[in-house]
Structure formats: structure tokens, C-alpha cells
Amino acid sequence: MEYTALLIMTALLIKHYICDFPLQTEFQLKNKGTYWHPGGLQHSMYHGIGTLLALGIVLGINYWFFILVIAFADAVIHYHIDWIKMRWGCGDISKRQFWSHLGLDQLAHQLVYVAIAYICVV
């Protein structure tokens, strides 16, 4: 059980890096603070698809419906975490507050992954 949780966390953290940094476009980044904007929706969809793939690799296709529900929930939660950060966070990278908000945003995403790993192994 612990080994599976570790694999899930590792897969989700790698997915998070890929979707939040190399795959995130300027269009997505600029528009995540506007609710229901296609840029923010697209970014969150990437995360949902990434979670679907990550969990599919670790858990296998026998759990496809469970994985689909978790991936959808992750996309919805990711969208709202990012929207809150973009809406009320500091956008000036030269300010200490920006880095605090970025760190809080990343922590929130990682805590979601801890919850997903837990749900997957209990």
C-alpha cells in the first residue's frame, strides 16, 4: 500500500511539473485569473489529462472509472486554486509576496495530490 502511494505521489508530482511549467502557455498563464476563460480551462484540462495518465499507469485500466472521476476532480480543484492565486495573488515577481503566493499555490496542489494518493490506497 505504501509503495503504491509513493508511486502515485511521484507520478502526480512529475505530472504537475510538466503541466505547470513546460506545457503551460502564455495564453493560459495570462488568463487563469478570468473565471471560465478558455486559457484557464485549457490549463486545468491538461492537469486532468495528466492525472488520468499518471493514475492509469500506476493503478491500471481496471480502475478506469475511478481514475476518470479523480482526474476530473483534480482538474476542477486545480482550476480553482490557480484562479484564486491569479485573482488575489501578487503578480509582481520582484515582490516577496509573489513568491509567498506561488509557494502557497504549489503547496495547495501538492496537498491535493496527498489526498488523491490516500484515496487511491484506502
N, C-alpha and C. Protein backbone atom coordinates (compact mmCIF):
# COMPACT_ATOMS: atom_id res chain seq x y z
N MET A 1 0.83 -1.19 0.00
CA MET A 1 0.00 0.00 0.00
C MET A 1 0.87 1.26 0.00
N GLU A 2 1.90 1.32 0.86
CA GLU A 2 2.75 2.50 0.93
C GLU A 2 3.50 2.69 -0.38
N TYR A 3 3.92 1.58 -0.99
CA TYR A 3 4.64 1.64 -2.25
C TYR A 3 3.76 2.24 -3.34
N THR A 4 2.50 1.83 -3.39
CA THR A 4 1.56 2.38 -4.37
C THR A 4 1.35 3.87 -4.14
N ALA A 5 1.19 4.28 -2.89
CA ALA A 5 1.01 5.70 -2.58
C ALA A 5 2.23 6.50 -3.01
N LEU A 6 3.42 5.95 -2.80
CA LEU A 6 4.65 6.62 -3.21
C LEU A 6 4.72 6.75 -4.73
N LEU A 7 4.34 5.71 -5.44
CA LEU A 7 4.32 5.77 -6.91
C LEU A 7 3.31 6.81 -7.40
N ILE A 8 2.15 6.84 -6.76
CA ILE A 8 1.12 7.82 -7.15
C ILE A 8 1.63 9.24 -6.91
N MET A 9 2.19 9.49 -5.74
CA MET A 9 2.71 10.83 -5.44
C MET A 9 3.80 11.22 -6.44
N THR A 10 4.70 10.31 -6.72
CA THR A 10 5.78 10.60 -7.66
C THR A 10 5.23 10.92 -9.04
N ALA A 11 4.29 10.10 -9.51
CA ALA A 11 3.69 10.33 -10.84
C ALA A 11 2.95 11.66 -10.88
N LEU A 12 2.22 12.00 -9.82
CA LEU A 12 1.47 13.25 -9.79
C LEU A 12 2.38 14.47 -9.71
N LEU A 13 3.47 14.37 -8.97
CA LEU A 13 4.41 15.49 -8.88
C LEU A 13 5.12 15.73 -10.21
N ILE A 14 5.48 14.65 -10.89
CA ILE A 14 6.09 14.79 -12.22
C ILE A 14 5.07 15.39 -13.18
N LYS A 15 3.84 14.90 -13.14
CA LYS A 15 2.77 15.44 -13.98
C LYS A 15 2.59 16.92 -13.70
N HIS A 16 2.61 17.29 -12.44
CA HIS A 16 2.40 18.68 -12.06
C HIS A 16 3.48 19.58 -12.65
N TYR A 17 4.72 19.17 -12.53
CA TYR A 17 5.81 19.95 -13.10
C TYR A 17 5.62 20.12 -14.61
N ILE A 18 5.34 19.02 -15.30
CA ILE A 18 5.19 19.07 -16.76
C ILE A 18 4.05 20.00 -17.17
N CYS A 19 2.91 19.88 -16.51
CA CYS A 19 1.74 20.68 -16.89
C CYS A 19 1.84 22.14 -16.44
N ASP A 20 2.48 22.38 -15.31
CA ASP A 20 2.54 23.75 -14.78
C ASP A 20 3.69 24.57 -15.34
N PHE A 21 4.70 23.90 -15.88
CA PHE A 21 5.85 24.66 -16.35
C PHE A 21 6.10 24.47 -17.85
N PRO A 22 6.64 23.35 -18.34
CA PRO A 22 6.92 23.26 -19.79
C PRO A 22 5.68 23.39 -20.68
N LEU A 23 4.55 22.82 -20.29
CA LEU A 23 3.36 22.82 -21.15
C LEU A 23 2.49 24.07 -21.02
N GLN A 24 2.69 24.83 -19.96
CA GLN A 24 1.82 25.99 -19.75
C GLN A 24 2.21 27.11 -20.72
N THR A 25 1.23 27.55 -21.49
CA THR A 25 1.47 28.59 -22.49
C THR A 25 1.24 29.97 -21.87
N GLU A 26 1.71 30.99 -22.57
CA GLU A 26 1.48 32.36 -22.12
C GLU A 26 -0.02 32.67 -22.11
N PHE A 27 -0.75 32.14 -23.10
CA PHE A 27 -2.20 32.31 -23.17
C PHE A 27 -2.88 31.77 -21.91
N GLN A 28 -2.46 30.59 -21.48
CA GLN A 28 -3.02 30.00 -20.26
C GLN A 28 -2.65 30.84 -19.04
N LEU A 29 -1.38 31.18 -18.93
CA LEU A 29 -0.88 31.92 -17.78
C LEU A 29 -1.56 33.27 -17.63
N LYS A 30 -1.72 33.99 -18.71
CA LYS A 30 -2.30 35.34 -18.65
C LYS A 30 -3.79 35.33 -18.31
N ASN A 31 -4.47 34.23 -18.57
CA ASN A 31 -5.93 34.24 -18.48
C ASN A 31 -6.51 33.39 -17.36
N LYS A 32 -5.68 32.83 -16.50
CA LYS A 32 -6.18 31.98 -15.41
C LYS A 32 -6.96 32.77 -14.37
N GLY A 33 -6.78 34.09 -14.33
CA GLY A 33 -7.47 34.91 -13.35
C GLY A 33 -8.86 35.35 -13.79
N THR A 34 -9.24 35.03 -15.03
CA THR A 34 -10.58 35.35 -15.53
C THR A 34 -11.41 34.09 -15.49
N TYR A 35 -12.44 34.10 -14.67
CA TYR A 35 -13.23 32.89 -14.46
C TYR A 35 -13.85 32.40 -15.76
N TRP A 36 -13.73 31.13 -16.02
CA TRP A 36 -14.25 30.43 -17.20
C TRP A 36 -13.53 30.82 -18.50
N HIS A 37 -12.40 31.50 -18.40
CA HIS A 37 -11.65 31.83 -19.61
C HIS A 37 -11.06 30.54 -20.20
N PRO A 38 -11.09 30.39 -21.52
CA PRO A 38 -10.55 29.18 -22.14
C PRO A 38 -9.09 28.87 -21.77
N GLY A 39 -8.29 29.91 -21.51
CA GLY A 39 -6.89 29.66 -21.13
C GLY A 39 -6.77 28.91 -19.82
N GLY A 40 -7.52 29.33 -18.82
CA GLY A 40 -7.50 28.64 -17.53
C GLY A 40 -8.12 27.26 -17.63
N LEU A 41 -9.18 27.14 -18.41
CA LEU A 41 -9.84 25.84 -18.60
C LEU A 41 -8.90 24.86 -19.31
N GLN A 42 -8.20 25.36 -20.31
CA GLN A 42 -7.25 24.51 -21.05
C GLN A 42 -6.14 24.02 -20.13
N HIS A 43 -5.59 24.93 -19.33
CA HIS A 43 -4.52 24.56 -18.39
C HIS A 43 -5.00 23.48 -17.42
N SER A 44 -6.18 23.66 -16.88
CA SER A 44 -6.72 22.68 -15.94
C SER A 44 -7.04 21.36 -16.63
N MET A 45 -7.46 21.43 -17.89
CA MET A 45 -7.72 20.21 -18.66
C MET A 45 -6.42 19.42 -18.84
N TYR A 46 -5.32 20.12 -19.08
CA TYR A 46 -4.02 19.45 -19.18
C TYR A 46 -3.73 18.68 -17.89
N HIS A 47 -4.02 19.33 -16.76
CA HIS A 47 -3.79 18.67 -15.47
C HIS A 47 -4.69 17.45 -15.31
N GLY A 48 -5.95 17.58 -15.70
CA GLY A 48 -6.86 16.44 -15.61
C GLY A 48 -6.39 15.27 -16.46
N ILE A 49 -5.98 15.56 -17.68
CA ILE A 49 -5.48 14.51 -18.57
C ILE A 49 -4.19 13.92 -18.00
N GLY A 50 -3.33 14.76 -17.46
CA GLY A 50 -2.10 14.27 -16.85
C GLY A 50 -2.37 13.35 -15.67
N THR A 51 -3.34 13.72 -14.85
CA THR A 51 -3.71 12.87 -13.71
C THR A 51 -4.30 11.56 -14.20
N LEU A 52 -5.11 11.62 -15.23
CA LEU A 52 -5.68 10.42 -15.84
C LEU A 52 -4.56 9.48 -16.29
N LEU A 53 -3.57 10.02 -16.96
CA LEU A 53 -2.46 9.20 -17.43
C LEU A 53 -1.61 8.67 -16.27
N ALA A 54 -1.29 9.55 -15.32
CA ALA A 54 -0.46 9.15 -14.19
C ALA A 54 -1.11 8.02 -13.39
N LEU A 55 -2.39 8.19 -13.06
CA LEU A 55 -3.08 7.16 -12.28
C LEU A 55 -3.32 5.90 -13.11
N GLY A 56 -3.56 6.08 -14.40
CA GLY A 56 -3.74 4.93 -15.28
C GLY A 56 -2.49 4.07 -15.34
N ILE A 57 -1.34 4.72 -15.38
CA ILE A 57 -0.07 3.99 -15.42
C ILE A 57 0.15 3.25 -14.11
N VAL A 58 -0.12 3.91 -12.99
CA VAL A 58 0.16 3.30 -11.68
C VAL A 58 -0.90 2.26 -11.29
N LEU A 59 -2.17 2.61 -11.47
CA LEU A 59 -3.25 1.74 -11.00
C LEU A 59 -3.74 0.74 -12.04
N GLY A 60 -3.58 1.05 -13.30
CA GLY A 60 -4.04 0.17 -14.36
C GLY A 60 -5.45 0.49 -14.82
N ILE A 61 -5.81 -0.03 -15.97
CA ILE A 61 -7.10 0.30 -16.58
C ILE A 61 -8.30 -0.34 -15.90
N ASN A 62 -8.08 -1.28 -15.00
CA ASN A 62 -9.21 -1.89 -14.28
C ASN A 62 -9.96 -0.88 -13.43
N TYR A 63 -9.32 0.22 -13.11
CA TYR A 63 -9.92 1.26 -12.26
C TYR A 63 -10.28 2.50 -13.08
N TRP A 64 -10.58 2.34 -14.34
CA TRP A 64 -10.75 3.47 -15.26
C TRP A 64 -11.81 4.46 -14.80
N PHE A 65 -12.95 4.00 -14.29
CA PHE A 65 -14.00 4.95 -13.89
C PHE A 65 -13.56 5.75 -12.66
N PHE A 66 -12.97 5.07 -11.70
CA PHE A 66 -12.44 5.72 -10.50
C PHE A 66 -11.39 6.76 -10.90
N ILE A 67 -10.50 6.38 -11.80
CA ILE A 67 -9.44 7.28 -12.25
C ILE A 67 -10.04 8.48 -12.98
N LEU A 68 -11.04 8.26 -13.79
CA LEU A 68 -11.71 9.34 -14.52
C LEU A 68 -12.32 10.36 -13.55
N VAL A 69 -12.98 9.87 -12.50
CA VAL A 69 -13.59 10.75 -11.50
C VAL A 69 -12.52 11.56 -10.78
N ILE A 70 -11.45 10.90 -10.37
CA ILE A 70 -10.36 11.59 -9.67
C ILE A 70 -9.70 12.62 -10.59
N ALA A 71 -9.48 12.28 -11.84
CA ALA A 71 -8.85 13.21 -12.79
C ALA A 71 -9.74 14.44 -13.01
N PHE A 72 -11.03 14.23 -13.13
CA PHE A 72 -11.95 15.35 -13.30
C PHE A 72 -11.93 16.25 -12.06
N ALA A 73 -11.98 15.62 -10.89
CA ALA A 73 -11.94 16.39 -9.64
C ALA A 73 -10.63 17.18 -9.52
N ASP A 74 -9.52 16.55 -9.91
CA ASP A 74 -8.23 17.25 -9.86
C ASP A 74 -8.24 18.46 -10.78
N ALA A 75 -8.79 18.32 -11.98
CA ALA A 75 -8.85 19.45 -12.92
C ALA A 75 -9.69 20.59 -12.35
N VAL A 76 -10.83 20.27 -11.76
CA VAL A 76 -11.71 21.30 -11.18
C VAL A 76 -11.02 22.00 -10.01
N ILE A 77 -10.41 21.22 -9.14
CA ILE A 77 -9.72 21.80 -7.98
C ILE A 77 -8.52 22.62 -8.44
N HIS A 78 -7.76 22.10 -9.40
CA HIS A 78 -6.59 22.83 -9.91
C HIS A 78 -7.02 24.17 -10.48
N TYR A 79 -8.09 24.16 -11.24
CA TYR A 79 -8.61 25.39 -11.84
C TYR A 79 -8.87 26.45 -10.77
N HIS A 80 -9.52 26.04 -9.70
CA HIS A 80 -9.91 27.00 -8.67
C HIS A 80 -8.73 27.48 -7.83
N ILE A 81 -7.77 26.60 -7.57
CA ILE A 81 -6.56 27.04 -6.86
C ILE A 81 -5.84 28.09 -7.69
N ASP A 82 -5.67 27.83 -8.97
CA ASP A 82 -4.98 28.79 -9.84
C ASP A 82 -5.77 30.09 -9.98
N TRP A 83 -7.08 29.97 -10.11
CA TRP A 83 -7.91 31.17 -10.25
C TRP A 83 -7.79 32.07 -9.03
N ILE A 84 -7.83 31.46 -7.84
CA ILE A 84 -7.69 32.23 -6.60
C ILE A 84 -6.33 32.93 -6.56
N LYS A 85 -5.27 32.19 -6.89
CA LYS A 85 -3.93 32.81 -6.88
C LYS A 85 -3.85 33.97 -7.87
N MET A 86 -4.36 33.77 -9.05
CA MET A 86 -4.28 34.82 -10.07
C MET A 86 -5.18 36.01 -9.73
N ARG A 87 -6.29 35.74 -9.10
CA ARG A 87 -7.28 36.78 -8.80
C ARG A 87 -6.83 37.65 -7.62
N TRP A 88 -6.29 37.01 -6.58
CA TRP A 88 -5.96 37.75 -5.36
C TRP A 88 -4.48 37.74 -5.02
N GLY A 89 -3.68 37.04 -5.80
CA GLY A 89 -2.25 36.99 -5.53
C GLY A 89 -1.53 38.21 -6.10
N CYS A 90 -0.29 38.32 -5.76
CA CYS A 90 0.56 39.41 -6.25
C CYS A 90 1.18 38.96 -7.58
N GLY A 91 1.11 39.83 -8.59
CA GLY A 91 1.63 39.48 -9.91
C GLY A 91 3.02 39.99 -10.20
N ASP A 92 3.63 40.67 -9.26
CA ASP A 92 4.94 41.29 -9.46
C ASP A 92 6.02 40.37 -8.91
N ILE A 93 6.80 39.74 -9.81
CA ILE A 93 7.79 38.76 -9.36
C ILE A 93 8.92 39.37 -8.55
N SER A 94 9.04 40.68 -8.54
CA SER A 94 10.08 41.31 -7.74
C SER A 94 9.67 41.47 -6.28
N LYS A 95 8.41 41.20 -5.97
CA LYS A 95 7.90 41.34 -4.61
C LYS A 95 7.94 40.00 -3.87
N ARG A 96 8.26 40.07 -2.61
CA ARG A 96 8.30 38.88 -1.77
C ARG A 96 6.93 38.20 -1.71
N GLN A 97 5.87 39.00 -1.72
CA GLN A 97 4.50 38.48 -1.64
C GLN A 97 4.19 37.55 -2.81
N PHE A 98 4.72 37.85 -4.00
CA PHE A 98 4.52 36.99 -5.16
C PHE A 98 5.00 35.58 -4.87
N TRP A 99 6.22 35.48 -4.32
CA TRP A 99 6.82 34.18 -4.06
C TRP A 99 6.10 33.44 -2.95
N SER A 100 5.59 34.18 -1.99
CA SER A 100 4.78 33.56 -0.94
C SER A 100 3.50 32.98 -1.52
N HIS A 101 2.86 33.73 -2.41
CA HIS A 101 1.62 33.24 -3.04
C HIS A 101 1.90 32.06 -3.97
N LEU A 102 3.00 32.11 -4.69
CA LEU A 102 3.37 30.99 -5.56
C LEU A 102 3.62 29.73 -4.72
N GLY A 103 4.33 29.90 -3.62
CA GLY A 103 4.59 28.76 -2.73
C GLY A 103 3.32 28.19 -2.15
N LEU A 104 2.40 29.06 -1.76
CA LEU A 104 1.11 28.60 -1.21
C LEU A 104 0.31 27.86 -2.28
N ASP A 105 0.33 28.38 -3.49
CA ASP A 105 -0.34 27.73 -4.63
C ASP A 105 0.23 26.32 -4.85
N GLN A 106 1.54 26.21 -4.87
CA GLN A 106 2.16 24.91 -5.09
C GLN A 106 1.88 23.95 -3.92
N LEU A 107 1.89 24.46 -2.70
CA LEU A 107 1.55 23.64 -1.55
C LEU A 107 0.12 23.12 -1.65
N ALA A 108 -0.81 23.98 -2.04
CA ALA A 108 -2.21 23.56 -2.17
C ALA A 108 -2.34 22.43 -3.19
N HIS A 109 -1.66 22.55 -4.32
CA HIS A 109 -1.71 21.49 -5.34
C HIS A 109 -1.12 20.19 -4.78
N GLN A 110 -0.01 20.30 -4.08
CA GLN A 110 0.64 19.11 -3.54
C GLN A 110 -0.21 18.44 -2.47
N LEU A 111 -0.93 19.22 -1.67
CA LEU A 111 -1.81 18.63 -0.67
C LEU A 111 -2.98 17.90 -1.34
N VAL A 112 -3.43 18.40 -2.48
CA VAL A 112 -4.45 17.69 -3.25
C VAL A 112 -3.89 16.34 -3.68
N TYR A 113 -2.63 16.30 -4.10
CA TYR A 113 -2.02 15.03 -4.51
C TYR A 113 -1.87 14.06 -3.34
N VAL A 114 -1.59 14.57 -2.16
CA VAL A 114 -1.55 13.71 -0.98
C VAL A 114 -2.93 13.10 -0.76
N ALA A 115 -3.98 13.91 -0.89
CA ALA A 115 -5.35 13.40 -0.73
C ALA A 115 -5.67 12.36 -1.79
N ILE A 116 -5.27 12.62 -3.04
CA ILE A 116 -5.53 11.65 -4.11
C ILE A 116 -4.81 10.35 -3.82
N ALA A 117 -3.55 10.42 -3.42
CA ALA A 117 -2.79 9.19 -3.12
C ALA A 117 -3.46 8.42 -1.99
N TYR A 118 -3.93 9.13 -0.98
CA TYR A 118 -4.62 8.47 0.14
C TYR A 118 -5.90 7.79 -0.33
N ILE A 119 -6.70 8.52 -1.10
CA ILE A 119 -7.96 7.96 -1.59
C ILE A 119 -7.72 6.72 -2.45
N CYS A 120 -6.64 6.74 -3.20
CA CYS A 120 -6.34 5.61 -4.10
C CYS A 120 -5.88 4.35 -3.37
N VAL A 121 -5.35 4.49 -2.17
CA VAL A 121 -4.81 3.31 -1.49
C VAL A 121 -5.67 2.81 -0.34
N VAL A 122 -6.70 3.55 0.05
CA VAL A 122 -7.55 3.05 1.14
C VAL A 122 -8.70 2.25 0.61
